[in-house]
Protein backbone atom coordinates (compact mmCIF):
# COMPACT_ATOMS: atom_id res chain seq x y z
CA MET A 1 -0.13 0.15 -0.03
CA GLN A 2 2.82 2.15 0.92
CA ARG A 3 4.49 1.75 -2.63
CA ALA A 4 1.36 2.61 -4.40
CA ALA A 5 0.51 5.52 -2.30
CA VAL A 6 4.29 7.12 -2.88
CA SER A 7 3.99 6.25 -6.38
CA VAL A 8 1.10 8.54 -7.18
CA PRO A 9 2.85 11.82 -6.41
CA ALA A 10 6.12 10.83 -7.52
CA ASN A 11 4.63 10.11 -11.37
CA ILE A 12 2.73 13.55 -11.09
CA ALA A 13 6.11 15.13 -10.43
CA GLU A 14 8.03 13.02 -12.95
CA GLY A 15 5.49 13.77 -15.72
CA PHE A 16 5.79 17.65 -14.99
CA ALA A 17 9.56 17.52 -15.23
CA ARG A 18 9.32 15.87 -18.68
CA ASN A 19 9.25 17.79 -22.01
CA GLY A 20 5.88 17.66 -23.44
CA THR A 21 2.13 17.49 -22.73
CA LYS A 22 2.05 14.05 -24.34
CA GLU A 23 4.34 12.62 -21.56
CA LEU A 24 3.04 14.60 -18.85
CA LEU A 25 -0.43 13.10 -19.62
CA HIS A 26 1.31 9.52 -19.83
CA PHE A 27 2.59 9.93 -16.47
CA LEU A 28 -0.52 11.26 -15.12
CA SER A 29 -2.19 8.05 -16.28
CA ILE A 30 0.44 5.96 -14.74
CA ALA A 31 -0.45 7.96 -11.39
CA ALA A 32 -4.12 7.04 -11.85
CA GLY A 33 -3.32 3.44 -12.29
CA SER A 34 -1.36 3.68 -9.07
CA LEU A 35 -4.09 5.08 -7.09
CA SER A 36 -6.54 2.57 -8.66
CA GLU A 37 -4.00 0.07 -6.98
CA LEU A 38 -4.22 1.59 -3.70
CA ASP A 39 -7.84 1.77 -3.74
CA THR A 40 -7.70 -2.30 -4.61
CA LEU A 41 -5.31 -2.75 -1.72
CA ILE A 42 -7.56 -0.87 0.78
CA GLU A 43 -10.60 -2.95 -0.16
CA LEU A 44 -8.64 -5.94 0.35
CA ALA A 45 -7.11 -5.06 3.73
CA ALA A 46 -10.36 -4.19 4.90
CA ARG A 47 -11.96 -7.48 3.79
CA LEU A 48 -9.10 -9.36 5.45
CA GLY A 49 -9.84 -7.21 8.62
CA TYR A 50 -6.35 -5.31 8.58
CA LEU A 51 -8.13 -1.97 8.42
CA ASN A 52 -10.85 -0.38 10.55
CA ASN A 53 -10.86 2.95 8.53
CA ALA A 54 -11.18 1.94 5.07
CA GLU A 55 -14.35 4.35 4.51
CA GLU A 56 -12.20 7.12 5.07
CA LEU A 57 -9.24 6.14 3.13
CA ASN A 58 -11.68 5.21 0.30
CA GLY A 59 -13.00 8.87 0.70
CA LYS A 60 -9.51 10.24 0.22
CA VAL A 61 -8.68 8.16 -2.64
CA ASP A 62 -11.91 9.39 -4.45
CA GLU A 63 -10.95 12.85 -3.58
CA VAL A 64 -7.48 12.54 -5.20
CA SER A 65 -8.79 10.91 -7.95
CA GLY A 66 -11.06 13.45 -8.71
CA LEU A 67 -8.06 15.89 -8.55
CA LEU A 68 -6.30 13.90 -10.85
CA MET A 69 -8.85 13.40 -13.26
CA GLY A 70 -9.42 17.24 -13.44
CA LEU A 71 -6.04 18.09 -13.89
CA SER A 72 -5.90 15.72 -17.03
CA ALA A 73 -8.86 16.95 -18.40
CA SER A 74 -7.58 20.74 -17.86
CA ILE A 75 -4.35 20.00 -19.53
CA LYS A 76 -6.20 17.94 -22.69
CA ARG A 77 -8.28 21.09 -23.04
CA ARG A 78 -5.61 23.27 -23.26
CA THR A 79 -3.68 21.26 -25.84
CA PRO A 80 -4.26 22.03 -29.65
């Protein structure tokens, strides 16, 4: 879970450090995949009884997902 969680901002940062919108969007997509992976791991951990705050964590994942999708959409709109 920690690896997936750290991968999200790391990929966003790497995307912004690259040259070009296409690469940025690619790394934002990778970040979204890592976020989806984290969401799945939270669900599995909750079902196995390792988490008692899964709803809170799922809410935060949903919030970050919305922000990430909004960022990607905004960048796509500005791209000719």
